Amino acid sequence: IFGLISGVAPHRFVIAIRALMDVWYLAQCPAPDDDLLLSINQSLLTFHENKNVIMTLGAWMGAKKLIDNWFIPKLELLQSITSSMHKVGALIQWSADATEHAHVSEIKDPA
């Protein structure tokens, strides 16, 4: 994505998108430590410092129209990601991806 928007999108837009992607990437760590949690918090802060440029450019779309606010449940949940990781460890253990994949391959698309 950065190859597509780098040099075309405003610098703060790229920073905001990069910070959000960093959060998603770092949160997948199987063994989070204090340094990692600090990095996630810093990326979240960087995103929040730069997110308004996304809305200013009209790049914040819902299913059918532009969104004019940041009241998004998944984005709100990110605010507690580091405290959750500090309490329970790696979040990947709470993912349903593996069981969802098994369900899709065995139930929805039987051999």
PDB file of N, CA and C in Angstrom:
ATOM      1  N   ILE A   1       0.822  -1.193   0.000  1.00  0.00           N
ATOM      2  CA  ILE A   1       0.000   0.000   0.000  1.00  0.00           C
ATOM      3  C   ILE A   1       0.870   1.262   0.000  1.00  0.00           C
ATOM      4  N   PHE A   2       2.012   1.201   0.677  1.00  0.00           N
ATOM      5  CA  PHE A   2       2.846   2.400   0.741  1.00  0.00           C
ATOM      6  C   PHE A   2       3.457   2.735  -0.602  1.00  0.00           C
ATOM      7  N   GLY A   3       3.751   1.704  -1.388  1.00  0.00           N
ATOM      8  CA  GLY A   3       4.272   1.944  -2.718  1.00  0.00           C
ATOM      9  C   GLY A   3       3.273   2.669  -3.602  1.00  0.00           C
ATOM     10  N   LEU A   4       2.006   2.451  -3.343  1.00  0.00           N
ATOM     11  CA  LEU A   4       0.962   3.095  -4.132  1.00  0.00           C
ATOM     12  C   LEU A   4       0.697   4.533  -3.717  1.00  0.00           C
ATOM     13  N   ILE A   5       0.805   4.802  -2.416  1.00  0.00           N
ATOM     14  CA  ILE A   5       0.435   6.135  -1.951  1.00  0.00           C
ATOM     15  C   ILE A   5       1.632   7.037  -1.673  1.00  0.00           C
ATOM     16  N   SER A   6       2.818   6.467  -1.559  1.00  0.00           N
ATOM     17  CA  SER A   6       3.998   7.271  -1.268  1.00  0.00           C
ATOM     18  C   SER A   6       4.292   8.210  -2.433  1.00  0.00           C
ATOM     19  N   GLY A   7       4.468   9.460  -2.124  1.00  0.00           N
ATOM     20  CA  GLY A   7       4.734  10.459  -3.145  1.00  0.00           C
ATOM     21  C   GLY A   7       3.476  11.016  -3.787  1.00  0.00           C
ATOM     22  N   VAL A   8       2.327  10.371  -3.559  1.00  0.00           N
ATOM     23  CA  VAL A   8       1.064  10.827  -4.129  1.00  0.00           C
ATOM     24  C   VAL A   8       0.184  11.417  -3.027  1.00  0.00           C
ATOM     25  N   ALA A   9       0.069  10.695  -1.940  1.00  0.00           N
ATOM     26  CA  ALA A   9      -0.752  11.144  -0.815  1.00  0.00           C
ATOM     27  C   ALA A   9       0.061  12.099   0.068  1.00  0.00           C
ATOM     28  N   PRO A  10      -0.634  12.989   0.775  1.00  0.00           N
ATOM     29  CA  PRO A  10       0.073  13.876   1.704  1.00  0.00           C
ATOM     30  C   PRO A  10       0.846  13.081   2.764  1.00  0.00           C
ATOM     31  N   HIS A  11       1.929  13.665   3.211  1.00  0.00           N
ATOM     32  CA  HIS A  11       2.826  13.000   4.167  1.00  0.00           C
ATOM     33  C   HIS A  11       2.089  12.532   5.430  1.00  0.00           C
ATOM     34  N   ARG A  12       1.232  13.375   5.986  1.00  0.00           N
ATOM     35  CA  ARG A  12       0.513  13.004   7.215  1.00  0.00           C
ATOM     36  C   ARG A  12      -0.456  11.856   6.970  1.00  0.00           C
ATOM     37  N   PHE A  13      -1.009  11.748   5.773  1.00  0.00           N
ATOM     38  CA  PHE A  13      -1.883  10.627   5.415  1.00  0.00           C
ATOM     39  C   PHE A  13      -1.098   9.325   5.462  1.00  0.00           C
ATOM     40  N   VAL A  14       0.077   9.325   4.851  1.00  0.00           N
ATOM     41  CA  VAL A  14       0.936   8.137   4.852  1.00  0.00           C
ATOM     42  C   VAL A  14       1.339   7.778   6.274  1.00  0.00           C
ATOM     43  N   ILE A  15       1.662   8.776   7.078  1.00  0.00           N
ATOM     44  CA  ILE A  15       2.047   8.528   8.472  1.00  0.00           C
ATOM     45  C   ILE A  15       0.898   7.864   9.229  1.00  0.00           C
ATOM     46  N   ALA A  16      -0.324   8.365   9.062  1.00  0.00           N
ATOM     47  CA  ALA A  16      -1.488   7.809   9.769  1.00  0.00           C
ATOM     48  C   ALA A  16      -1.739   6.361   9.362  1.00  0.00           C
ATOM     49  N   ILE A  17      -1.712   6.086   8.072  1.00  0.00           N
ATOM     50  CA  ILE A  17      -1.949   4.722   7.591  1.00  0.00           C
ATOM     51  C   ILE A  17      -0.839   3.790   8.071  1.00  0.00           C
ATOM     52  N   ARG A  18       0.386   4.258   7.991  1.00  0.00           N
ATOM     53  CA  ARG A  18       1.527   3.448   8.434  1.00  0.00           C
ATOM     54  C   ARG A  18       1.422   3.132   9.930  1.00  0.00           C
ATOM     55  N   ALA A  19       1.042   4.107  10.732  1.00  0.00           N
ATOM     56  CA  ALA A  19       0.925   3.899  12.177  1.00  0.00           C
ATOM     57  C   ALA A  19      -0.145   2.863  12.493  1.00  0.00           C
ATOM     58  N   LEU A  20      -1.273   2.934  11.804  1.00  0.00           N
ATOM     59  CA  LEU A  20      -2.344   1.967  12.032  1.00  0.00           C
ATOM     60  C   LEU A  20      -1.914   0.565  11.609  1.00  0.00           C
ATOM     61  N   MET A  21      -1.224   0.461  10.491  1.00  0.00           N
ATOM     62  CA  MET A  21      -0.722  -0.843  10.054  1.00  0.00           C
ATOM     63  C   MET A  21       0.323  -1.387  11.026  1.00  0.00           C
ATOM     64  N   ASP A  22       1.140  -0.508  11.583  1.00  0.00           N
ATOM     65  CA  ASP A  22       2.118  -0.940  12.593  1.00  0.00           C
ATOM     66  C   ASP A  22       1.418  -1.548  13.804  1.00  0.00           C
ATOM     67  N   VAL A  23       0.324  -0.930  14.244  1.00  0.00           N
ATOM     68  CA  VAL A  23      -0.431  -1.466  15.382  1.00  0.00           C
ATOM     69  C   VAL A  23      -0.916  -2.871  15.067  1.00  0.00           C
ATOM     70  N   TRP A  24      -1.535  -3.040  13.910  1.00  0.00           N
ATOM     71  CA  TRP A  24      -2.058  -4.361  13.536  1.00  0.00           C
ATOM     72  C   TRP A  24      -0.942  -5.395  13.450  1.00  0.00           C
ATOM     73  N   TYR A  25       0.200  -5.008  12.893  1.00  0.00           N
ATOM     74  CA  TYR A  25       1.326  -5.926  12.759  1.00  0.00           C
ATOM     75  C   TYR A  25       1.926  -6.274  14.124  1.00  0.00           C
ATOM     76  N   LEU A  26       2.207  -5.264  14.928  1.00  0.00           N
ATOM     77  CA  LEU A  26       2.845  -5.487  16.224  1.00  0.00           C
ATOM     78  C   LEU A  26       1.948  -6.281  17.177  1.00  0.00           C
ATOM     79  N   ALA A  27       0.653  -6.091  17.088  1.00  0.00           N
ATOM     80  CA  ALA A  27      -0.280  -6.786  17.984  1.00  0.00           C
ATOM     81  C   ALA A  27      -0.308  -8.296  17.742  1.00  0.00           C
ATOM     82  N   GLN A  28       0.249  -8.749  16.638  1.00  0.00           N
ATOM     83  CA  GLN A  28       0.270 -10.175  16.334  1.00  0.00           C
ATOM     84  C   GLN A  28       1.449 -10.903  16.968  1.00  0.00           C
ATOM     85  N   CYS A  29       2.296 -10.187  17.661  1.00  0.00           N
ATOM     86  CA  CYS A  29       3.481 -10.793  18.270  1.00  0.00           C
ATOM     87  C   CYS A  29       3.082 -11.896  19.248  1.00  0.00           C
ATOM     88  N   PRO A  30       3.689 -13.085  19.135  1.00  0.00           N
ATOM     89  CA  PRO A  30       3.329 -14.185  20.027  1.00  0.00           C
ATOM     90  C   PRO A  30       3.874 -14.045  21.452  1.00  0.00           C
ATOM     91  N   ALA A  31       4.830 -13.138  21.661  1.00  0.00           N
ATOM     92  CA  ALA A  31       5.413 -12.967  22.994  1.00  0.00           C
ATOM     93  C   ALA A  31       5.636 -11.478  23.278  1.00  0.00           C
ATOM     94  N   PRO A  32       4.559 -10.735  23.550  1.00  0.00           N
ATOM     95  CA  PRO A  32       4.711  -9.292  23.760  1.00  0.00           C
ATOM     96  C   PRO A  32       5.466  -8.968  25.048  1.00  0.00           C
ATOM     97  N   ASP A  33       6.354  -7.984  24.960  1.00  0.00           N
ATOM     98  CA  ASP A  33       7.046  -7.499  26.148  1.00  0.00           C
ATOM     99  C   ASP A  33       6.763  -6.003  26.303  1.00  0.00           C
ATOM    100  N   ASP A  34       7.325  -5.395  27.325  1.00  0.00           N
ATOM    101  CA  ASP A  34       7.042  -3.989  27.600  1.00  0.00           C
ATOM    102  C   ASP A  34       7.473  -3.074  26.459  1.00  0.00           C
ATOM    103  N   ASP A  35       8.596  -3.392  25.797  1.00  0.00           N
ATOM    104  CA  ASP A  35       9.055  -2.570  24.680  1.00  0.00           C
ATOM    105  C   ASP A  35       8.066  -2.628  23.515  1.00  0.00           C
ATOM    106  N   LEU A  36       7.530  -3.807  23.250  1.00  0.00           N
ATOM    107  CA  LEU A  36       6.553  -3.951  22.177  1.00  0.00           C
ATOM    108  C   LEU A  36       5.282  -3.173  22.507  1.00  0.00           C
ATOM    109  N   LEU A  37       4.816  -3.279  23.739  1.00  0.00           N
ATOM    110  CA  LEU A  37       3.610  -2.561  24.140  1.00  0.00           C
ATOM    111  C   LEU A  37       3.815  -1.053  24.038  1.00  0.00           C
ATOM    112  N   LEU A  38       5.012  -0.599  24.370  1.00  0.00           N
ATOM    113  CA  LEU A  38       5.337   0.819  24.221  1.00  0.00           C
ATOM    114  C   LEU A  38       5.304   1.230  22.747  1.00  0.00           C
ATOM    115  N   SER A  39       5.815   0.378  21.873  1.00  0.00           N
ATOM    116  CA  SER A  39       5.798   0.656  20.434  1.00  0.00           C
ATOM    117  C   SER A  39       4.368   0.731  19.906  1.00  0.00           C
ATOM    118  N   ILE A  40       3.509  -0.168  20.370  1.00  0.00           N
ATOM    119  CA  ILE A  40       2.102  -0.146  19.956  1.00  0.00           C
ATOM    120  C   ILE A  40       1.442   1.151  20.416  1.00  0.00           C
ATOM    121  N   ASN A  41       1.675   1.524  21.663  1.00  0.00           N
ATOM    122  CA  ASN A  41       1.102   2.783  22.179  1.00  0.00           C
ATOM    123  C   ASN A  41       1.598   3.988  21.383  1.00  0.00           C
ATOM    124  N   GLN A  42       2.870   3.981  21.013  1.00  0.00           N
ATOM    125  CA  GLN A  42       3.427   5.085  20.235  1.00  0.00           C
ATOM    126  C   GLN A  42       2.790   5.131  18.850  1.00  0.00           C
ATOM    127  N   SER A  43       2.587   3.977  18.243  1.00  0.00           N
ATOM    128  CA  SER A  43       1.939   3.934  16.924  1.00  0.00           C
ATOM    129  C   SER A  43       0.495   4.422  17.002  1.00  0.00           C
ATOM    130  N   LEU A  44      -0.208   4.053  18.058  1.00  0.00           N
ATOM    131  CA  LEU A  44      -1.574   4.551  18.243  1.00  0.00           C
ATOM    132  C   LEU A  44      -1.591   6.067  18.403  1.00  0.00           C
ATOM    133  N   LEU A  45      -0.660   6.583  19.180  1.00  0.00           N
ATOM    134  CA  LEU A  45      -0.562   8.029  19.368  1.00  0.00           C
ATOM    135  C   LEU A  45      -0.272   8.731  18.040  1.00  0.00           C
ATOM    136  N   THR A  46       0.646   8.181  17.267  1.00  0.00           N
ATOM    137  CA  THR A  46       0.981   8.748  15.963  1.00  0.00           C
ATOM    138  C   THR A  46      -0.235   8.744  15.048  1.00  0.00           C
ATOM    139  N   PHE A  47      -0.995   7.643  15.055  1.00  0.00           N
ATOM    140  CA  PHE A  47      -2.213   7.586  14.249  1.00  0.00           C
ATOM    141  C   PHE A  47      -3.180   8.692  14.655  1.00  0.00           C
ATOM    142  N   HIS A  48      -3.445   8.816  15.957  1.00  0.00           N
ATOM    143  CA  HIS A  48      -4.405   9.814  16.432  1.00  0.00           C
ATOM    144  C   HIS A  48      -3.943  11.244  16.149  1.00  0.00           C
ATOM    145  N   GLU A  49      -2.637  11.464  16.166  1.00  0.00           N
ATOM    146  CA  GLU A  49      -2.112  12.800  15.865  1.00  0.00           C
ATOM    147  C   GLU A  49      -2.290  13.167  14.391  1.00  0.00           C
ATOM    148  N   ASN A  50      -2.431  12.163  13.523  1.00  0.00           N
ATOM    149  CA  ASN A  50      -2.466  12.410  12.084  1.00  0.00           C
ATOM    150  C   ASN A  50      -3.755  11.982  11.395  1.00  0.00           C
ATOM    151  N   LYS A  51      -4.699  11.408  12.114  1.00  0.00           N
ATOM    152  CA  LYS A  51      -5.891  10.824  11.482  1.00  0.00           C
ATOM    153  C   LYS A  51      -6.817  11.836  10.829  1.00  0.00           C
ATOM    154  N   ASN A  52      -6.809  13.064  11.287  1.00  0.00           N
ATOM    155  CA  ASN A  52      -7.733  14.051  10.720  1.00  0.00           C
ATOM    156  C   ASN A  52      -7.490  14.309   9.240  1.00  0.00           C
ATOM    157  N   VAL A  53      -6.269  14.112   8.775  1.00  0.00           N
ATOM    158  CA  VAL A  53      -5.991  14.320   7.356  1.00  0.00           C
ATOM    159  C   VAL A  53      -6.761  13.306   6.497  1.00  0.00           C
ATOM    160  N   ILE A  54      -7.029  12.135   7.040  1.00  0.00           N
ATOM    161  CA  ILE A  54      -7.799  11.126   6.305  1.00  0.00           C
ATOM    162  C   ILE A  54      -9.202  11.644   6.023  1.00  0.00           C
ATOM    163  N   MET A  55      -9.829  12.204   7.033  1.00  0.00           N
ATOM    164  CA  MET A  55     -11.175  12.748   6.865  1.00  0.00           C
ATOM    165  C   MET A  55     -11.154  14.015   6.008  1.00  0.00           C
ATOM    166  N   THR A  56     -10.154  14.839   6.190  1.00  0.00           N
ATOM    167  CA  THR A  56     -10.033  16.072   5.413  1.00  0.00           C
ATOM    168  C   THR A  56      -9.958  15.769   3.916  1.00  0.00           C
ATOM    169  N   LEU A  57      -9.285  14.676   3.562  1.00  0.00           N
ATOM    170  CA  LEU A  57      -9.139  14.310   2.154  1.00  0.00           C
ATOM    171  C   LEU A  57     -10.354  13.551   1.613  1.00  0.00           C
ATOM    172  N   GLY A  58     -11.312  13.249   2.489  1.00  0.00           N
ATOM    173  CA  GLY A  58     -12.484  12.493   2.041  1.00  0.00           C
ATOM    174  C   GLY A  58     -12.166  11.032   1.810  1.00  0.00           C
ATOM    175  N   ALA A  59     -11.175  10.527   2.505  1.00  0.00           N
ATOM    176  CA  ALA A  59     -10.739   9.146   2.307  1.00  0.00           C
ATOM    177  C   ALA A  59     -11.335   8.188   3.336  1.00  0.00           C
ATOM    178  N   TRP A  60     -12.263   8.650   4.140  1.00  0.00           N
ATOM    179  CA  TRP A  60     -12.865   7.821   5.192  1.00  0.00           C
ATOM    180  C   TRP A  60     -14.263   7.443   4.740  1.00  0.00           C
ATOM    181  N   MET A  61     -14.384   6.284   4.109  1.00  0.00           N
ATOM    182  CA  MET A  61     -15.643   5.868   3.507  1.00  0.00           C
ATOM    183  C   MET A  61     -16.327   4.768   4.309  1.00  0.00           C
ATOM    184  N   GLY A  62     -17.644   4.887   4.382  1.00  0.00           N
ATOM    185  CA  GLY A  62     -18.464   3.806   4.895  1.00  0.00           C
ATOM    186  C   GLY A  62     -18.879   2.931   3.721  1.00  0.00           C
ATOM    187  N   ALA A  63     -19.904   2.124   3.903  1.00  0.00           N
ATOM    188  CA  ALA A  63     -20.354   1.252   2.833  1.00  0.00           C
ATOM    189  C   ALA A  63     -20.891   2.041   1.637  1.00  0.00           C
ATOM    190  N   LYS A  64     -21.531   3.186   1.904  1.00  0.00           N
ATOM    191  CA  LYS A  64     -22.161   3.928   0.813  1.00  0.00           C
ATOM    192  C   LYS A  64     -21.817   5.407   0.762  1.00  0.00           C
ATOM    193  N   LYS A  65     -21.231   5.945   1.821  1.00  0.00           N
ATOM    194  CA  LYS A  65     -20.962   7.383   1.826  1.00  0.00           C
ATOM    195  C   LYS A  65     -19.775   7.704   2.717  1.00  0.00           C
ATOM    196  N   LEU A  66     -19.329   8.951   2.637  1.00  0.00           N
ATOM    197  CA  LEU A  66     -18.242   9.412   3.493  1.00  0.00           C
ATOM    198  C   LEU A  66     -18.680   9.380   4.950  1.00  0.00           C
ATOM    199  N   ILE A  67     -17.752   9.061   5.821  1.00  0.00           N
ATOM    200  CA  ILE A  67     -18.010   9.080   7.261  1.00  0.00           C
ATOM    201  C   ILE A  67     -17.432  10.385   7.798  1.00  0.00           C
ATOM    202  N   ASP A  68     -18.185  11.065   8.644  1.00  0.00           N
ATOM    203  CA  ASP A  68     -17.720  12.351   9.159  1.00  0.00           C
ATOM    204  C   ASP A  68     -17.337  12.306  10.634  1.00  0.00           C
ATOM    205  N   ASN A  69     -17.051  11.121  11.147  1.00  0.00           N
ATOM    206  CA  ASN A  69     -16.651  10.992  12.548  1.00  0.00           C
ATOM    207  C   ASN A  69     -15.720   9.794  12.709  1.00  0.00           C
ATOM    208  N   TRP A  70     -15.178   9.649  13.897  1.00  0.00           N
ATOM    209  CA  TRP A  70     -14.282   8.526  14.206  1.00  0.00           C
ATOM    210  C   TRP A  70     -14.910   7.598  15.232  1.00  0.00           C
ATOM    211  N   PHE A  71     -16.213   7.537  15.323  1.00  0.00           N
ATOM    212  CA  PHE A  71     -16.895   6.659  16.275  1.00  0.00           C
ATOM    213  C   PHE A  71     -17.035   5.275  15.662  1.00  0.00           C
ATOM    214  N   ILE A  72     -15.943   4.534  15.691  1.00  0.00           N
ATOM    215  CA  ILE A  72     -15.876   3.215  15.063  1.00  0.00           C
ATOM    216  C   ILE A  72     -15.494   2.212  16.148  1.00  0.00           C
ATOM    217  N   PRO A  73     -16.371   1.244  16.431  1.00  0.00           N
ATOM    218  CA  PRO A  73     -16.110   0.307  17.531  1.00  0.00           C
ATOM    219  C   PRO A  73     -14.743  -0.374  17.477  1.00  0.00           C
ATOM    220  N   LYS A  74     -14.320  -0.839  16.314  1.00  0.00           N
ATOM    221  CA  LYS A  74     -13.019  -1.518  16.237  1.00  0.00           C
ATOM    222  C   LYS A  74     -11.873  -0.569  16.535  1.00  0.00           C
ATOM    223  N   LEU A  75     -12.006   0.675  16.141  1.00  0.00           N
ATOM    224  CA  LEU A  75     -10.981   1.661  16.440  1.00  0.00           C
ATOM    225  C   LEU A  75     -10.966   1.981  17.927  1.00  0.00           C
ATOM    226  N   GLU A  76     -12.137   2.019  18.535  1.00  0.00           N
ATOM    227  CA  GLU A  76     -12.228   2.229  19.979  1.00  0.00           C
ATOM    228  C   GLU A  76     -11.578   1.071  20.740  1.00  0.00           C
ATOM    229  N   LEU A  77     -11.775  -0.150  20.249  1.00  0.00           N
ATOM    230  CA  LEU A  77     -11.173  -1.318  20.913  1.00  0.00           C
ATOM    231  C   LEU A  77      -9.652  -1.272  20.895  1.00  0.00           C
ATOM    232  N   LEU A  78      -9.073  -0.634  19.899  1.00  0.00           N
ATOM    233  CA  LEU A  78      -7.615  -0.535  19.836  1.00  0.00           C
ATOM    234  C   LEU A  78      -7.038   0.222  21.030  1.00  0.00           C
ATOM    235  N   GLN A  79      -7.845   1.076  21.653  1.00  0.00           N
ATOM    236  CA  GLN A  79      -7.357   1.866  22.779  1.00  0.00           C
ATOM    237  C   GLN A  79      -7.001   0.995  23.978  1.00  0.00           C
ATOM    238  N   SER A  80      -7.584  -0.200  24.040  1.00  0.00           N
ATOM    239  CA  SER A  80      -7.307  -1.084  25.180  1.00  0.00           C
ATOM    240  C   SER A  80      -6.417  -2.260  24.801  1.00  0.00           C
ATOM    241  N   ILE A  81      -5.833  -2.217  23.626  1.00  0.00           N
ATOM    242  CA  ILE A  81      -5.065  -3.367  23.155  1.00  0.00           C
ATOM    243  C   ILE A  81      -3.826  -3.632  24.016  1.00  0.00           C
ATOM    244  N   THR A  82      -3.099  -2.588  24.395  1.00  0.00           N
ATOM    245  CA  THR A  82      -1.876  -2.835  25.163  1.00  0.00           C
ATOM    246  C   THR A  82      -2.183  -3.267  26.595  1.00  0.00           C
ATOM    247  N   SER A  83      -3.227  -2.708  27.187  1.00  0.00           N
ATOM    248  CA  SER A  83      -3.570  -3.160  28.542  1.00  0.00           C
ATOM    249  C   SER A  83      -4.047  -4.611  28.513  1.00  0.00           C
ATOM    250  N   SER A  84      -4.761  -4.984  27.470  1.00  0.00           N
ATOM    251  CA  SER A  84      -5.199  -6.378  27.335  1.00  0.00           C
ATOM    252  C   SER A  84      -4.010  -7.306  27.138  1.00  0.00           C
ATOM    253  N   MET A  85      -3.076  -6.902  26.291  1.00  0.00           N
ATOM    254  CA  MET A  85      -1.888  -7.730  26.052  1.00  0.00           C
ATOM    255  C   MET A  85      -1.047  -7.846  27.318  1.00  0.00           C
ATOM    256  N   HIS A  86      -0.997  -6.774  28.089  1.00  0.00           N
ATOM    257  CA  HIS A  86      -0.232  -6.812  29.334  1.00  0.00           C
ATOM    258  C   HIS A  86      -0.851  -7.820  30.321  1.00  0.00           C
ATOM    259  N   LYS A  87      -2.185  -7.890  30.332  1.00  0.00           N
ATOM    260  CA  LYS A  87      -2.887  -8.789  31.259  1.00  0.00           C
ATOM    261  C   LYS A  87      -2.890 -10.248  30.810  1.00  0.00           C
ATOM    262  N   VAL A  88      -3.129 -10.485  29.514  1.00  0.00           N
ATOM    263  CA  VAL A  88      -3.330 -11.874  29.060  1.00  0.00           C
ATOM    264  C   VAL A  88      -2.252 -12.396  28.131  1.00  0.00           C
ATOM    265  N   GLY A  89      -1.314 -11.558  27.744  1.00  0.00           N
ATOM    266  CA  GLY A  89      -0.273 -12.020  26.832  1.00  0.00           C
ATOM    267  C   GLY A  89      -0.691 -11.844  25.383  1.00  0.00           C
ATOM    268  N   ALA A  90      -0.222 -12.728  24.534  1.00  0.00           N
ATOM    269  CA  ALA A  90      -0.476 -12.633  23.095  1.00  0.00           C
ATOM    270  C   ALA A  90      -1.970 -12.708  22.800  1.00  0.00           C
ATOM    271  N   LEU A  91      -2.425 -11.809  21.956  1.00  0.00           N
ATOM    272  CA  LEU A  91      -3.843 -11.781  21.604  1.00  0.00           C
ATOM    273  C   LEU A  91      -4.208 -12.840  20.573  1.00  0.00           C
ATOM    274  N   ILE A  92      -3.227 -13.373  19.873  1.00  0.00           N
ATOM    275  CA  ILE A  92      -3.500 -14.358  18.834  1.00  0.00           C
ATOM    276  C   ILE A  92      -4.205 -15.587  19.402  1.00  0.00           C
ATOM    277  N   GLN A  93      -3.998 -15.867  20.669  1.00  0.00           N
ATOM    278  CA  GLN A  93      -4.662 -17.016  21.291  1.00  0.00           C
ATOM    279  C   GLN A  93      -6.177 -16.836  21.359  1.00  0.00           C
ATOM    280  N   TRP A  94      -6.649 -15.600  21.212  1.00  0.00           N
ATOM    281  CA  TRP A  94      -8.081 -15.324  21.275  1.00  0.00           C
ATOM    282  C   TRP A  94      -8.705 -15.215  19.887  1.00  0.00           C
ATOM    283  N   SER A  95      -7.913 -15.445  18.866  1.00  0.00           N
ATOM    284  CA  SER A  95      -8.405 -15.332  17.494  1.00  0.00           C
ATOM    285  C   SER A  95      -9.235 -16.551  17.102  1.00  0.00           C
ATOM    286  N   ALA A  96     -10.244 -16.314  16.309  1.00  0.00           N
ATOM    287  CA  ALA A  96     -11.083 -17.399  15.795  1.00  0.00           C
ATOM    288  C   ALA A  96     -10.687 -17.769  14.369  1.00  0.00           C
ATOM    289  N   ASP A  97      -9.585 -17.221  13.864  1.00  0.00           N
ATOM    290  CA  ASP A  97      -9.187 -17.460  12.482  1.00  0.00           C
ATOM    291  C   ASP A  97      -9.014 -18.944  12.158  1.00  0.00           C
ATOM    292  N   ALA A  98      -8.333 -19.680  13.028  1.00  0.00           N
ATOM    293  CA  ALA A  98      -8.079 -21.103  12.740  1.00  0.00           C
ATOM    294  C   ALA A  98      -9.371 -21.893  12.715  1.00  0.00           C
ATOM    295  N   THR A  99     -10.242 -21.666  13.682  1.00  0.00           N
ATOM    296  CA  THR A  99     -11.495 -22.419  13.702  1.00  0.00           C
ATOM    297  C   THR A  99     -12.427 -21.951  12.595  1.00  0.00           C
ATOM    298  N   GLU A 100     -12.383 -20.676  12.262  1.00  0.00           N
ATOM    299  CA  GLU A 100     -13.201 -20.179  11.147  1.00  0.00           C
ATOM    300  C   GLU A 100     -12.740 -20.800   9.840  1.00  0.00           C
ATOM    301  N   HIS A 101     -11.431 -20.906   9.648  1.00  0.00           N
ATOM    302  CA  HIS A 101     -10.903 -21.526   8.437  1.00  0.00           C
ATOM    303  C   HIS A 101     -11.337 -22.984   8.357  1.00  0.00           C
ATOM    304  N   ALA A 102     -11.255 -23.697   9.479  1.00  0.00           N
ATOM    305  CA  ALA A 102     -11.687 -25.100   9.495  1.00  0.00           C
ATOM    306  C   ALA A 102     -13.173 -25.203   9.192  1.00  0.00           C
ATOM    307  N   HIS A 103     -13.945 -24.291   9.731  1.00  0.00           N
ATOM    308  CA  HIS A 103     -15.388 -24.301   9.497  1.00  0.00           C
ATOM    309  C   HIS A 103     -15.685 -24.076   8.014  1.00  0.00           C
ATOM    310  N   VAL A 104     -15.011 -23.105   7.425  1.00  0.00           N
ATOM    311  CA  VAL A 104     -15.237 -22.802   6.012  1.00  0.00           C
ATOM    312  C   VAL A 104     -14.833 -23.985   5.143  1.00  0.00           C
ATOM    313  N   SER A 105     -13.669 -24.558   5.417  1.00  0.00           N
ATOM    314  CA  SER A 105     -13.178 -25.626   4.545  1.00  0.00           C
ATOM    315  C   SER A 105     -13.926 -26.944   4.754  1.00  0.00           C
ATOM    316  N   GLU A 106     -14.421 -27.214   5.954  1.00  0.00           N
ATOM    317  CA  GLU A 106     -15.087 -28.491   6.222  1.00  0.00           C
ATOM    318  C   GLU A 106     -16.611 -28.420   6.129  1.00  0.00           C
ATOM    319  N   ILE A 107     -17.199 -27.333   6.499  1.00  0.00           N
ATOM    320  CA  ILE A 107     -18.642 -27.225   6.541  1.00  0.00           C
ATOM    321  C   ILE A 107     -19.196 -26.513   5.307  1.00  0.00           C
ATOM    322  N   LYS A 108     -18.660 -25.339   5.033  1.00  0.00           N
ATOM    323  CA  LYS A 108     -19.189 -24.551   3.923  1.00  0.00           C
ATOM    324  C   LYS A 108     -18.756 -25.085   2.569  1.00  0.00           C
ATOM    325  N   ASP A 109     -17.538 -25.612   2.478  1.00  0.00           N
ATOM    326  CA  ASP A 109     -17.025 -26.147   1.231  1.00  0.00           C
ATOM    327  C   ASP A 109     -16.596 -27.607   1.441  1.00  0.00           C
ATOM    328  N   PRO A 110     -17.534 -28.503   1.657  1.00  0.00           N
ATOM    329  CA  PRO A 110     -17.138 -29.885   1.914  1.00  0.00           C
ATOM    330  C   PRO A 110     -16.448 -30.500   0.706  1.00  0.00           C
ATOM    331  N   ALA A 111     -15.554 -31.412   0.996  1.00  0.00           N
ATOM    332  CA  ALA A 111     -14.784 -32.070  -0.070  1.00  0.00           C
ATOM    333  C   ALA A 111     -15.634 -32.994  -0.900  1.00  0.00           C
TER     334      ALA A 111
END
